[in-house]
């Protein structure tokens, strides 16, 4: 029995076109941080360097981005934070358009990318 291999295209199927545009913009922003892989799961895509630093969760008309950081982010843009261990926080951000991938978000992506 062969195992189903998920792809980003599979995870993004049936979503509004803006979701794919936002995802593509997010990948460009992460690429400026350095090399990484996008590991598609059944309903999400994990962005991985040495370990996972971000999770992308496509919804019908937007993306939920979960950044793994050493701190909780304090910003009106943060939908939810959760401390998952002594030194790790998940910070959830809703992205409705590619234009929301601005300098502030790029800084958070870089911080998550470089976290050991």
Protein backbone atom coordinates (compact mmCIF):
# COMPACT_ATOMS: atom_id res chain seq x y z
CA UNK A 1 0.00 0.00 0.00
CA UNK A 2 1.50 3.34 -1.00
CA UNK A 3 1.38 6.37 1.27
CA UNK A 4 -0.30 9.54 -0.03
CA UNK A 5 2.23 12.33 -0.54
CA UNK A 6 0.79 15.76 0.16
CA UNK A 7 1.87 18.85 -1.76
CA UNK A 8 1.25 22.55 -1.28
CA UNK A 9 -1.00 22.42 -4.36
CA UNK A 10 -3.07 19.72 -2.67
CA UNK A 11 -3.38 21.71 0.56
CA UNK A 12 -4.33 24.89 -1.35
CA UNK A 13 -6.93 23.23 -3.61
CA UNK A 14 -10.38 24.77 -3.31
CA UNK A 15 -9.14 27.94 -1.64
CA UNK A 16 -9.73 31.45 -2.98
CA UNK A 17 -6.99 32.64 -5.40
CA UNK A 18 -5.83 35.26 -2.86
CA UNK A 19 -4.79 32.42 -0.53
CA UNK A 20 -2.32 31.08 -3.13
CA UNK A 21 -1.04 34.60 -3.82
CA UNK A 22 -0.48 35.20 -0.12
CA UNK A 23 1.26 31.82 0.27
CA UNK A 24 3.56 32.56 -2.67
CA UNK A 25 4.41 35.97 -1.18
CA UNK A 26 5.14 34.32 2.15
CA UNK A 27 7.53 31.85 0.51
CA UNK A 28 9.38 34.74 -1.17
CA UNK A 29 9.74 36.48 2.19
CA UNK A 30 11.05 33.33 3.86
CA UNK A 31 13.47 32.68 0.98
CA UNK A 32 15.17 35.99 1.82
CA UNK A 33 16.03 34.48 5.24
CA UNK A 34 17.91 31.53 3.73
CA UNK A 35 17.31 27.95 2.61
CA UNK A 36 14.29 26.07 3.91
CA UNK A 37 11.85 23.39 2.88
CA UNK A 38 8.06 23.52 2.71
CA UNK A 39 6.78 20.22 4.09
CA UNK A 40 3.12 19.77 3.14
CA UNK A 41 0.89 17.80 5.49
CA UNK A 42 -2.77 16.89 5.04
CA UNK A 43 -4.16 20.33 5.99
CA UNK A 44 -1.09 22.50 6.56
CA UNK A 45 2.41 23.27 5.37
CA UNK A 46 5.38 23.32 7.75
CA UNK A 47 8.31 25.59 6.95
CA UNK A 48 11.49 23.87 8.09
CA UNK A 49 15.12 24.84 8.46
CA UNK A 50 16.90 22.60 11.02
CA UNK A 51 13.48 22.27 12.65
CA UNK A 52 10.05 23.69 11.98
CA UNK A 53 9.91 27.44 12.49
CA UNK A 54 6.50 28.23 10.99
CA UNK A 55 3.23 26.56 10.13
CA UNK A 56 0.94 27.70 7.33
CA UNK A 57 -2.72 26.77 7.69
CA UNK A 58 -4.80 27.62 4.60
CA UNK A 59 -8.42 28.52 5.16
CA UNK A 60 -11.04 29.22 2.48
CA UNK A 61 -10.13 32.90 2.02
CA UNK A 62 -7.02 33.53 4.18
CA UNK A 63 -3.93 31.94 5.74
CA UNK A 64 -3.20 31.42 9.39
CA UNK A 65 0.55 31.67 10.01
CA UNK A 66 1.94 30.18 13.21
CA UNK A 67 5.44 31.39 14.10
CA UNK A 68 7.56 29.49 16.63
CA UNK A 69 9.49 32.04 18.70
CA UNK A 70 11.23 32.40 22.05
CA UNK A 71 8.68 35.02 23.07
CA UNK A 72 5.06 36.02 22.74
CA UNK A 73 4.58 38.77 20.20
CA UNK A 74 2.73 41.86 21.40
CA UNK A 75 0.91 43.36 18.43
CA UNK A 76 -2.69 43.90 17.37
CA UNK A 77 -1.86 41.63 14.41
CA UNK A 78 -1.42 38.60 16.67
CA UNK A 79 -4.63 36.56 16.83
CA UNK A 80 -3.41 34.16 19.50
CA UNK A 81 -0.29 33.23 21.46
CA UNK A 82 0.41 30.03 23.33
CA UNK A 83 3.40 29.03 25.42
CA UNK A 84 4.19 25.49 24.31
CA UNK A 85 7.30 24.93 26.45
CA UNK A 86 9.53 26.85 28.84
CA UNK A 87 11.26 28.79 26.05
CA UNK A 88 8.88 28.48 23.08
CA UNK A 89 5.78 30.34 22.02
CA UNK A 90 3.45 29.87 19.08
CA UNK A 91 2.24 33.17 17.68
CA UNK A 92 -0.73 33.05 15.32
CA UNK A 93 -1.22 35.69 12.63
CA UNK A 94 -4.07 35.94 10.12
CA UNK A 95 -2.95 36.87 6.60
CA UNK A 96 -5.74 37.99 4.26
CA UNK A 97 -3.59 39.48 1.47
CA UNK A 98 0.02 39.43 0.23
CA UNK A 99 0.29 43.10 1.22
CA UNK A 100 0.28 42.05 4.89
CA UNK A 101 3.72 40.50 4.34
CA UNK A 102 5.42 43.75 5.31
CA UNK A 103 8.66 44.69 7.09
CA UNK A 104 7.23 43.85 10.53
CA UNK A 105 6.17 40.35 9.43
CA UNK A 106 9.48 39.81 7.62
CA UNK A 107 11.28 40.64 10.86
CA UNK A 108 9.21 38.05 12.76
CA UNK A 109 9.90 35.48 10.02
CA UNK A 110 13.64 36.14 10.31
CA UNK A 111 13.45 35.79 14.09
CA UNK A 112 11.63 32.45 13.80
CA UNK A 113 13.99 31.26 11.05
CA UNK A 114 17.13 31.93 13.12
CA UNK A 115 15.80 30.47 16.38
CA UNK A 116 17.84 27.44 17.45
